[in-house]
Amino acid sequence: MKKILSLFIILIWAFCSMPICVNAQTINDKLNDNISYTFNSKTGKLVVKGSGDTDDYVNSPFGYIGTNIKSVVIEKGITGIGARLFKNCALTERFKIPESVLDIDVTAFDGCKGIKEFSVDIENEVYSSFDGILYSKDLSKLIKYPSAKNDERFATLKNTTTICKNSFRDSVNLKTVVLSSEIVNIEENFENLGISVVGEIKTQNPDSSHHHEPIYKTVYPTCSEYGYIEFTCRTCDVKFITKYICPTKHKFTEKITPATTESDGHIVTVCTVCGYIKEDKIINKIYNASLDYSSAVYDKYQFSPNVNVVDSSGKSLVQNVDYIYTLPLGRKSVGIYTYDITYLGNYKGTSRLLWFIYPQSPIFKKIVLSKNKAELQWNKITAQNDGYEVQYSTNPHFILDNHYITVNNKNAKSLKLSNLKSKRRYYFRIRSFKNVNESNVFYSQWSRIGTAKIL
């Protein structure tokens, strides 16, 4: 029984320590608290994301999927690639390195025999890639030659002065490296790799007395393409690149298309030289503008409801940054008040909000009955009031048999109703009103409902 229980505990532990699977094709897991990864088993794509440096390893944390990884994308935010991070990921063909990576350990790609290409973001200030090869930014250091590159022979660039340790390790097809005269430092041990190394092979003219008449042509770099200086002899066919010129940096600027109430806006980060779009950030459109409360009841004090504006994602816009508005004058008396909102910065356009102050409701005091008659009594409204409206009906919901009487006297406190039907139950309610102008009459809420059976 103890053996069975122990086995059960081991199985539970093994299950809990497995990476989290979103579905059969995708694996999500963490390298540390700040860095995680996603692997798609269908495409073979591994994406490493987060911030900071990865840890150093004795064996790659991707060992359990290593032979299934076809490409690696390291996202912006990762600043260092630690020792043996991708050790023995033997079939990985491509590595994409962002501008944020500032340090790569020389053992990071040990045992990666399938590499065909490195791709480095042009904005990276420490590393670059040329012809799929990983270099320092200025091409002076050759850091890693793609192990599975098809060429059997490789000649170093005129720019390159240093060949780094492990730069040609695990190369599958390469047999010969031709060193230019500019090479001054070789850290790689070519003898142990079985790769022959020869000095620069210069083109010789059959006529030993011939002297080249040089013509130098400069092809200037662009934001994303290398330029070069080309040597050509005026009198013979000798032609070669003397030096490559690193790409110039993109000159980015932000072009803003403000969001409106009708459409999303955009913040586009674009190079002013070549037009390359680095980022297109969506500004969510303005979804709703509202006040803390849509109306109030007159109470002689000034009202100041707050304005709230949200975009289509639910984010609140910031007053005096994203919008401004001016409080309408007054905001004490019964009437309509207009809030005009003007949008700023990343937003454009206007919104208009209407806000209302209504009269106070009268307090229904009592009903005094007599034969076929009823006298309604209430507390009068002393301010912002031009009169009252009385409604009565034999229906408790005031749906049928409705009667309205207008009392154009703001000081009235009662109303006598006659010709009511004896033995019938009636329902009564009262509200006050204020004539704001010729076209607008504001009514208060109805009072409580009073009821009585007529004598």
Protein backbone atom coordinates (compact mmCIF):
# COMPACT_ATOMS: atom_id res chain seq x y z
CA MET A 1 0.00 0.00 0.00
CA LYS A 2 2.86 2.38 0.87
CA LYS A 3 4.50 1.68 -2.51
CA ILE A 4 1.27 2.47 -4.34
CA LEU A 5 0.84 5.72 -2.36
CA SER A 6 4.45 6.75 -3.07
CA LEU A 7 3.97 6.10 -6.79
CA PHE A 8 0.78 8.16 -6.76
CA ILE A 9 2.57 11.10 -5.10
CA ILE A 10 5.40 10.92 -7.65
CA LEU A 11 2.91 10.98 -10.53
CA ILE A 12 1.14 14.02 -9.06
CA TRP A 13 4.48 15.84 -8.64
CA ALA A 14 5.49 15.06 -12.22
CA PHE A 15 2.17 16.27 -13.58
CA CYS A 16 2.30 19.54 -11.61
CA SER A 17 5.85 20.29 -12.76
CA MET A 18 4.96 20.04 -16.45
CA PRO A 19 4.71 23.27 -18.51
CA ILE A 20 1.24 24.76 -18.81
CA CYS A 21 -0.49 23.73 -22.05
CA VAL A 22 -3.06 26.05 -23.54
CA ASN A 23 -3.93 23.41 -26.11
CA ALA A 24 -2.29 20.45 -27.80
CA GLN A 25 -0.18 22.73 -30.03
CA THR A 26 0.91 25.48 -27.63
CA ILE A 27 3.11 25.33 -24.54
CA ASN A 28 3.53 28.26 -22.15
CA ASP A 29 6.07 28.31 -19.34
CA LYS A 30 8.51 30.57 -17.47
CA LEU A 31 12.29 30.80 -17.49
CA ASN A 32 12.25 33.05 -14.42
CA ASP A 33 9.95 35.55 -12.74
CA ASN A 34 10.44 38.12 -15.51
CA ILE A 35 10.82 35.97 -18.61
CA SER A 36 8.44 33.45 -20.16
CA TYR A 37 8.14 31.59 -23.45
CA THR A 38 5.55 30.20 -25.82
CA PHE A 39 6.19 27.23 -28.11
CA ASN A 40 3.92 26.22 -30.98
CA SER A 41 4.55 22.57 -31.79
CA LYS A 42 2.77 22.86 -35.14
CA THR A 43 4.96 25.65 -36.53
CA GLY A 44 8.04 24.90 -34.42
CA LYS A 45 8.23 28.57 -33.39
CA LEU A 46 9.60 29.48 -29.95
CA VAL A 47 8.93 33.01 -28.66
CA VAL A 48 10.87 34.28 -25.63
CA LYS A 49 9.42 37.40 -24.00
CA GLY A 50 9.73 39.50 -20.88
CA SER A 51 12.40 41.81 -19.50
CA GLY A 52 16.01 41.55 -18.36
CA ASP A 53 18.66 38.84 -18.81
CA THR A 54 17.97 35.14 -19.08
CA ASP A 55 19.74 32.86 -16.61
CA ASP A 56 22.89 30.86 -17.35
CA TYR A 57 22.35 27.11 -17.74
CA VAL A 58 24.34 23.89 -17.73
CA ASN A 59 21.74 22.34 -20.01
CA SER A 60 19.14 24.19 -22.05
CA PRO A 61 15.71 24.62 -20.42
CA PHE A 62 14.28 23.77 -23.85
CA GLY A 63 15.80 20.28 -23.85
CA TYR A 64 12.41 18.56 -23.80
CA ILE A 65 11.36 20.35 -27.02
CA GLY A 66 14.81 21.18 -28.41
CA THR A 67 14.67 18.99 -31.51
CA ASN A 68 11.24 20.39 -32.43
CA ILE A 69 12.24 24.06 -32.41
CA LYS A 70 12.54 25.38 -35.97
CA SER A 71 12.81 29.12 -35.27
CA VAL A 72 13.38 31.37 -32.26
CA VAL A 73 12.01 34.89 -31.85
CA ILE A 74 13.34 36.88 -28.91
CA GLU A 75 11.04 39.81 -28.22
CA LYS A 76 12.01 43.35 -27.29
CA GLY A 77 12.65 43.64 -23.57
CA ILE A 78 15.11 40.76 -23.27
CA THR A 79 18.55 42.30 -22.63
CA GLY A 80 20.84 39.27 -22.32
CA ILE A 81 21.06 35.71 -23.69
CA GLY A 82 22.67 33.52 -21.05
CA ALA A 83 25.11 30.60 -21.23
CA ARG A 84 23.89 27.45 -23.03
CA LEU A 85 20.32 28.80 -23.27
CA PHE A 86 19.80 27.02 -26.60
CA LYS A 87 22.30 24.20 -26.12
CA ASN A 88 21.65 21.23 -28.46
CA CYS A 89 18.60 22.78 -30.13
CA ALA A 90 20.03 20.97 -33.12
CA LEU A 91 17.32 21.65 -35.72
CA THR A 92 16.74 25.34 -35.02
CA GLU A 93 17.34 27.21 -38.29
CA ARG A 94 16.69 30.87 -37.50
CA PHE A 95 17.21 33.21 -34.57
CA LYS A 96 15.65 36.68 -34.48
CA ILE A 97 17.32 39.08 -32.04
CA PRO A 98 15.70 42.39 -31.01
CA GLU A 99 17.24 45.82 -30.48
CA SER A 100 17.16 45.37 -26.67
CA VAL A 101 19.69 42.49 -26.49
CA LEU A 102 23.04 43.89 -25.34
CA ASP A 103 24.87 40.71 -24.30
CA ILE A 104 25.08 37.20 -25.79
CA ASP A 105 27.12 34.51 -24.06
CA VAL A 106 29.61 32.71 -26.33
CA THR A 107 28.10 29.33 -25.38
CA ALA A 108 24.46 30.34 -25.96
CA PHE A 109 24.26 28.38 -29.25
CA ASP A 110 26.44 25.35 -28.42
CA GLY A 111 25.26 22.25 -30.26
CA CYS A 112 22.94 24.24 -32.56
CA LYS A 113 23.98 22.53 -35.80
CA GLY A 114 20.97 23.60 -37.84
CA ILE A 115 21.39 27.40 -37.81
CA LYS A 116 21.02 28.95 -41.27
CA GLU A 117 20.46 32.59 -40.36
CA PHE A 118 20.72 35.19 -37.64
CA SER A 119 18.53 38.26 -37.94
CA VAL A 120 19.28 41.29 -35.75
CA ASP A 121 17.06 44.35 -35.46
CA ILE A 122 18.71 47.27 -37.22
CA GLU A 123 18.25 49.44 -34.12
CA ASN A 124 20.42 47.15 -31.96
CA GLU A 125 23.48 49.15 -30.87
CA VAL A 126 25.72 46.17 -29.97
CA TYR A 127 25.02 43.45 -32.57
CA SER A 128 24.25 43.23 -36.27
CA SER A 129 23.68 40.56 -38.90
CA PHE A 130 25.20 40.48 -42.37
CA ASP A 131 24.48 37.70 -44.84
CA GLY A 132 22.86 35.80 -41.94
CA ILE A 133 26.04 35.92 -39.83
CA LEU A 134 26.07 37.38 -36.32
CA TYR A 135 28.55 40.27 -35.93
CA SER A 136 29.21 43.17 -33.61
CA LYS A 137 27.46 46.36 -34.65
CA ASP A 138 30.36 47.67 -36.78
CA LEU A 139 31.18 44.20 -38.25
CA SER A 140 34.58 44.28 -36.53
CA LYS A 141 33.85 41.08 -34.57
CA LEU A 142 32.51 37.89 -36.11
CA ILE A 143 30.50 36.40 -33.24
CA LYS A 144 28.67 33.40 -34.70
CA TYR A 145 28.73 31.83 -38.14
CA PRO A 146 25.48 29.95 -38.97
CA SER A 147 26.35 26.29 -38.44
CA ALA A 148 24.27 24.95 -41.32
CA LYS A 149 25.13 27.63 -43.91
CA ASN A 150 25.61 25.84 -47.23
CA ASP A 151 28.96 27.37 -48.24
CA GLU A 152 32.11 25.25 -47.97
CA ARG A 153 34.32 28.33 -48.18
CA PHE A 154 34.01 31.63 -46.34
CA ALA A 155 36.09 34.81 -46.64
CA THR A 156 36.05 37.34 -43.83
CA LEU A 157 35.02 40.92 -44.49
CA LYS A 158 37.52 43.73 -44.73
CA ASN A 159 35.79 45.29 -41.70
CA THR A 160 36.38 42.27 -39.47
CA THR A 161 39.41 42.33 -37.16
CA THR A 162 38.41 39.68 -34.59
CA ILE A 163 37.05 36.14 -34.85
CA CYS A 164 35.42 35.33 -31.53
CA LYS A 165 35.53 32.10 -29.56
CA ASN A 166 32.92 29.50 -30.58
CA SER A 167 32.12 31.52 -33.71
CA PHE A 168 32.59 28.53 -36.06
CA ARG A 169 31.82 25.74 -33.62
CA ASP A 170 29.37 23.08 -34.88
CA SER A 171 29.72 24.20 -38.52
CA VAL A 172 28.50 21.37 -40.74
CA ASN A 173 29.48 22.29 -44.31
CA LEU A 174 32.32 24.77 -43.88
CA LYS A 175 35.77 23.51 -44.86
CA THR A 176 37.87 26.65 -45.41
CA VAL A 177 38.02 30.14 -43.90
CA VAL A 178 39.93 32.80 -45.84
CA LEU A 179 41.25 35.52 -43.58
CA SER A 180 41.59 39.09 -44.81
CA SER A 181 44.73 41.05 -43.95
CA GLU A 182 42.67 43.08 -41.45
CA ILE A 183 42.30 40.11 -39.05
CA VAL A 184 44.42 40.77 -35.95
CA ASN A 185 42.78 38.59 -33.30
CA ILE A 186 41.64 34.96 -33.62
CA GLU A 187 39.97 33.49 -30.52
CA GLU A 188 38.48 30.48 -32.29
CA ASN A 189 40.41 27.18 -32.26
CA PHE A 190 40.13 26.14 -35.92
CA GLU A 191 42.43 23.11 -35.51
CA ASN A 192 39.96 21.35 -33.22
CA LEU A 193 37.12 22.10 -35.62
CA GLY A 194 38.74 20.55 -38.68
CA ILE A 195 38.45 23.81 -40.66
CA SER A 196 41.46 24.96 -42.65
CA VAL A 197 42.47 28.60 -42.44
CA VAL A 198 44.31 30.44 -45.22
CA GLY A 199 45.46 34.02 -45.67
CA GLU A 200 43.89 36.54 -48.01
CA ILE A 201 44.03 35.45 -51.67
CA LYS A 202 44.80 38.46 -53.82
CA THR A 203 44.10 38.61 -57.52
CA GLN A 204 47.34 38.50 -59.46
CA ASN A 205 47.79 39.99 -62.90
CA PRO A 206 49.89 37.87 -65.36
CA ASP A 207 51.95 40.96 -66.07
CA SER A 208 53.96 41.36 -62.87
CA SER A 209 54.93 44.85 -63.85
CA HIS A 210 51.27 45.92 -63.91
CA HIS A 211 50.17 48.42 -61.31
CA HIS A 212 46.51 48.86 -60.51
CA GLU A 213 44.93 52.20 -61.23
CA PRO A 214 42.31 52.29 -58.52
CA ILE A 215 38.83 53.69 -58.79
CA TYR A 216 36.86 53.75 -55.56
CA LYS A 217 33.10 53.78 -55.63
CA THR A 218 31.06 54.44 -52.51
CA VAL A 219 27.55 53.11 -52.24
CA TYR A 220 26.04 54.84 -49.25
CA PRO A 221 24.03 52.86 -46.70
CA THR A 222 20.34 53.31 -46.10
CA CYS A 223 18.46 53.06 -42.83
CA SER A 224 18.35 49.27 -43.14
CA GLU A 225 20.88 48.27 -45.83
CA TYR A 226 24.67 48.19 -45.67
CA GLY A 227 26.66 50.43 -47.96
CA TYR A 228 30.15 49.65 -49.22
CA ILE A 229 33.33 50.96 -50.79
CA GLU A 230 34.19 49.12 -54.01
CA PHE A 231 37.67 48.98 -55.53
CA THR A 232 37.95 48.70 -59.31
CA CYS A 233 41.11 48.82 -61.40
CA ARG A 234 40.87 51.23 -64.32
CA THR A 235 42.97 49.00 -66.62
CA CYS A 236 42.05 45.44 -65.61
CA ASP A 237 39.11 43.41 -64.32
CA VAL A 238 40.02 43.42 -60.64
CA LYS A 239 37.06 44.43 -58.49
CA PHE A 240 36.34 43.83 -54.82
CA ILE A 241 34.71 45.36 -51.75
CA THR A 242 37.24 47.08 -49.54
CA LYS A 243 34.87 47.86 -46.70
CA TYR A 244 31.21 47.71 -45.75
CA ILE A 245 29.48 50.72 -44.22
CA CYS A 246 26.97 50.05 -41.45
CA PRO A 247 23.38 51.17 -41.99
CA THR A 248 22.40 54.56 -40.72
CA LYS A 249 19.85 54.63 -37.93
CA HIS A 250 16.22 55.20 -38.63
CA LYS A 251 15.06 58.71 -37.80
CA PHE A 252 11.74 58.10 -36.20
CA THR A 253 8.93 60.53 -35.68
CA GLU A 254 5.39 60.09 -34.46
CA LYS A 255 2.49 60.87 -36.73
CA ILE A 256 -0.76 61.15 -34.84
CA THR A 257 -4.21 60.71 -36.30
CA PRO A 258 -6.53 61.66 -33.42
CA ALA A 259 -9.38 59.40 -32.38
CA THR A 260 -12.92 60.75 -32.63
CA THR A 261 -16.33 59.65 -31.46
CA GLU A 262 -16.70 57.85 -34.80
CA SER A 263 -13.35 56.16 -35.42
CA ASP A 264 -10.12 54.96 -33.82
CA GLY A 265 -6.99 57.04 -34.11
CA HIS A 266 -3.37 56.01 -34.67
CA ILE A 267 0.07 56.88 -33.34
CA VAL A 268 2.40 55.75 -36.11
CA THR A 269 6.14 55.66 -35.39
CA VAL A 270 7.68 56.05 -38.86
CA CYS A 271 11.16 56.70 -40.23
CA THR A 272 11.31 60.10 -41.93
CA VAL A 273 14.07 58.87 -44.24
CA CYS A 274 12.83 55.54 -45.60
CA GLY A 275 9.21 55.38 -44.47
CA TYR A 276 9.67 52.23 -42.37
CA ILE A 277 6.81 51.91 -39.87
CA LYS A 278 8.15 50.70 -36.54
CA GLU A 279 4.85 50.79 -34.64
CA ASP A 280 1.21 51.57 -35.30
CA LYS A 281 -0.50 52.10 -31.95
CA ILE A 282 -4.27 52.28 -31.94
CA ILE A 283 -5.99 55.10 -30.06
CA ASN A 284 -9.39 53.73 -29.15
CA LYS A 285 -12.27 55.92 -30.23
CA ILE A 286 -14.27 57.98 -27.76
CA TYR A 287 -17.11 55.75 -26.67
CA ASN A 288 -19.13 57.75 -24.17
CA ALA A 289 -19.23 61.10 -22.40
CA SER A 290 -21.51 61.48 -19.39
CA LEU A 291 -22.09 63.40 -16.17
CA ASP A 292 -22.05 62.02 -12.64
CA TYR A 293 -25.81 62.42 -12.62
CA SER A 294 -28.12 63.40 -15.45
CA SER A 295 -30.40 65.72 -13.49
CA ALA A 296 -31.09 67.27 -10.08
CA VAL A 297 -33.91 68.86 -8.09
CA TYR A 298 -33.74 72.54 -7.18
CA ASP A 299 -32.40 73.11 -3.66
CA LYS A 300 -31.06 76.73 -3.93
CA TYR A 301 -27.41 75.50 -4.09
CA GLN A 302 -25.22 75.40 -7.19
CA PHE A 303 -24.73 71.99 -8.81
CA SER A 304 -21.43 70.86 -10.40
CA PRO A 305 -21.63 67.30 -11.76
CA ASN A 306 -18.33 65.82 -12.90
CA VAL A 307 -17.73 64.97 -16.55
CA ASN A 308 -16.68 61.37 -17.31
CA VAL A 309 -15.32 60.33 -20.72
CA VAL A 310 -14.30 56.76 -21.62
CA ASP A 311 -12.93 55.18 -24.79
CA SER A 312 -14.12 51.98 -26.45
CA SER A 313 -11.83 49.87 -24.22
CA GLY A 314 -13.33 51.35 -21.06
CA LYS A 315 -10.31 53.53 -20.22
CA SER A 316 -11.12 56.92 -18.70
CA LEU A 317 -9.82 59.96 -20.52
CA VAL A 318 -8.01 62.61 -18.46
CA GLN A 319 -9.41 66.11 -18.05
CA ASN A 320 -7.11 68.93 -19.26
CA VAL A 321 -5.00 66.32 -21.09
CA ASP A 322 -7.50 64.56 -23.33
CA TYR A 323 -10.39 67.02 -23.06
CA ILE A 324 -11.55 70.29 -21.54
CA TYR A 325 -14.96 71.74 -20.79
CA THR A 326 -16.37 74.94 -19.32
CA LEU A 327 -18.98 74.81 -16.59
CA PRO A 328 -22.19 76.50 -17.73
CA LEU A 329 -23.20 79.56 -15.74
CA GLY A 330 -25.87 79.36 -13.09
CA ARG A 331 -26.62 75.72 -12.35
CA LYS A 332 -29.01 76.75 -9.57
CA SER A 333 -32.34 77.56 -11.19
CA VAL A 334 -34.72 75.16 -12.89
CA GLY A 335 -33.74 74.72 -16.53
CA ILE A 336 -31.41 73.13 -19.12
CA TYR A 337 -27.62 73.48 -18.91
CA THR A 338 -25.21 72.67 -21.73
CA TYR A 339 -21.78 71.10 -21.22
CA ASP A 340 -19.64 71.43 -24.37
CA ILE A 341 -16.60 69.13 -24.34
CA THR A 342 -13.61 69.82 -26.59
CA TYR A 343 -11.15 66.95 -27.14
CA LEU A 344 -7.39 67.50 -27.10
CA GLY A 345 -4.11 65.80 -27.96
CA ASN A 346 -4.77 62.27 -29.19
CA TYR A 347 -8.46 63.03 -29.54
CA LYS A 348 -10.40 65.35 -31.81
CA GLY A 349 -13.94 66.70 -31.95
CA THR A 350 -16.60 67.83 -29.51
CA SER A 351 -19.44 66.37 -27.47
CA ARG A 352 -22.44 68.14 -26.00
CA LEU A 353 -24.11 67.01 -22.78
CA LEU A 354 -27.42 68.35 -21.51
CA TRP A 355 -28.11 68.59 -17.81
CA PHE A 356 -31.44 69.44 -16.11
CA ILE A 357 -32.61 70.97 -12.87
CA TYR A 358 -36.26 70.18 -12.06
CA PRO A 359 -38.67 71.84 -9.61
CA GLN A 360 -39.25 70.38 -6.18
CA SER A 361 -42.16 67.96 -5.75
CA PRO A 362 -45.04 69.06 -3.52
CA ILE A 363 -45.81 67.01 -0.42
CA PHE A 364 -49.33 65.56 -0.57
CA LYS A 365 -50.86 66.21 2.88
CA LYS A 366 -54.45 64.93 2.93
CA ILE A 367 -57.83 64.48 1.22
CA VAL A 368 -60.99 66.04 2.68
CA LEU A 369 -64.21 64.34 1.42
CA SER A 370 -67.79 65.55 1.03
CA LYS A 371 -70.74 64.44 -1.14
CA ASN A 372 -69.33 63.81 -4.67
CA LYS A 373 -66.44 66.08 -3.81
CA ALA A 374 -62.82 65.92 -2.63
CA GLU A 375 -60.45 68.63 -1.50
CA LEU A 376 -56.75 67.91 -2.05
CA GLN A 377 -54.24 69.65 0.21
CA TRP A 378 -50.43 69.92 -0.13
CA ASN A 379 -47.46 71.92 1.06
CA LYS A 380 -46.76 74.68 -1.43
CA ILE A 381 -43.38 75.08 -3.18
CA THR A 382 -41.86 78.45 -2.25
CA ALA A 383 -39.25 78.88 -5.02
CA GLN A 384 -38.73 78.04 -8.70
CA ASN A 385 -42.39 77.25 -9.15
CA ASP A 386 -45.18 78.69 -11.34
CA GLY A 387 -48.00 76.37 -10.35
CA TYR A 388 -49.22 72.80 -10.01
CA GLU A 389 -50.72 70.02 -12.04
CA VAL A 390 -53.21 67.61 -10.45
CA GLN A 391 -53.99 64.21 -11.95
CA TYR A 392 -56.77 61.91 -10.78
CA SER A 393 -58.21 58.64 -12.05
CA THR A 394 -60.27 55.63 -10.99
CA ASN A 395 -57.32 53.47 -12.13
CA PRO A 396 -54.46 53.06 -9.61
CA HIS A 397 -51.93 53.11 -12.45
CA PHE A 398 -53.43 56.19 -14.13
CA ILE A 399 -53.83 54.26 -17.37
CA LEU A 400 -57.51 54.94 -18.10
CA ASP A 401 -60.04 57.59 -17.02
CA ASN A 402 -57.33 60.21 -16.53
CA HIS A 403 -58.11 63.81 -15.65
CA TYR A 404 -55.66 66.73 -15.46
CA ILE A 405 -56.19 70.11 -13.83
CA THR A 406 -53.61 72.91 -14.06
CA VAL A 407 -53.38 75.34 -11.13
CA ASN A 408 -51.65 78.51 -12.34
CA ASN A 409 -50.95 79.79 -8.87
CA LYS A 410 -47.61 79.11 -7.28
CA ASN A 411 -49.02 79.93 -3.83
CA ALA A 412 -51.89 77.45 -4.07
CA LYS A 413 -52.05 74.83 -1.32
CA SER A 414 -55.29 73.06 -2.17
CA LEU A 415 -57.75 72.18 -4.92
CA LYS A 416 -61.45 71.25 -4.68
CA LEU A 417 -62.74 68.62 -7.12
CA SER A 418 -66.48 68.20 -7.73
CA ASN A 419 -68.74 65.95 -9.76
CA LEU A 420 -66.89 62.87 -8.66
CA LYS A 421 -68.76 59.57 -8.78
CA SER A 422 -70.15 58.48 -5.46
CA LYS A 423 -68.99 55.17 -4.02
CA ARG A 424 -66.08 55.04 -6.47
CA ARG A 425 -62.44 54.92 -5.40
CA TYR A 426 -60.23 57.61 -6.87
CA TYR A 427 -56.47 58.04 -7.00
CA PHE A 428 -54.78 61.45 -6.86
CA ARG A 429 -51.26 62.87 -7.33
CA ILE A 430 -49.72 66.33 -7.67
CA ARG A 431 -46.63 67.87 -9.25
CA SER A 432 -45.27 71.40 -9.58
CA PHE A 433 -44.08 73.08 -12.78
CA LYS A 434 -41.86 75.95 -13.89
CA ASN A 435 -42.09 77.83 -17.19
CA VAL A 436 -38.43 78.26 -18.18
CA ASN A 437 -39.27 79.91 -21.49
CA GLU A 438 -42.02 79.88 -24.07
CA SER A 439 -41.19 76.38 -25.28
CA ASN A 440 -39.93 74.64 -22.14
CA VAL A 441 -42.04 73.69 -19.14
CA PHE A 442 -40.26 71.71 -16.43
CA TYR A 443 -42.30 69.41 -14.21
CA SER A 444 -41.30 67.96 -10.88
CA GLN A 445 -41.66 64.32 -9.98
CA TRP A 446 -45.17 63.29 -8.98
CA SER A 447 -46.03 63.34 -5.31
CA ARG A 448 -47.04 60.20 -3.52
CA ILE A 449 -50.42 58.81 -4.61
CA GLY A 450 -53.41 59.65 -2.43
CA THR A 451 -56.56 57.52 -2.58
CA ALA A 452 -60.10 57.82 -1.24
CA LYS A 453 -63.59 56.37 -1.75
CA ILE A 454 -65.97 59.22 -2.61
CA LEU A 455 -69.05 59.77 -0.37
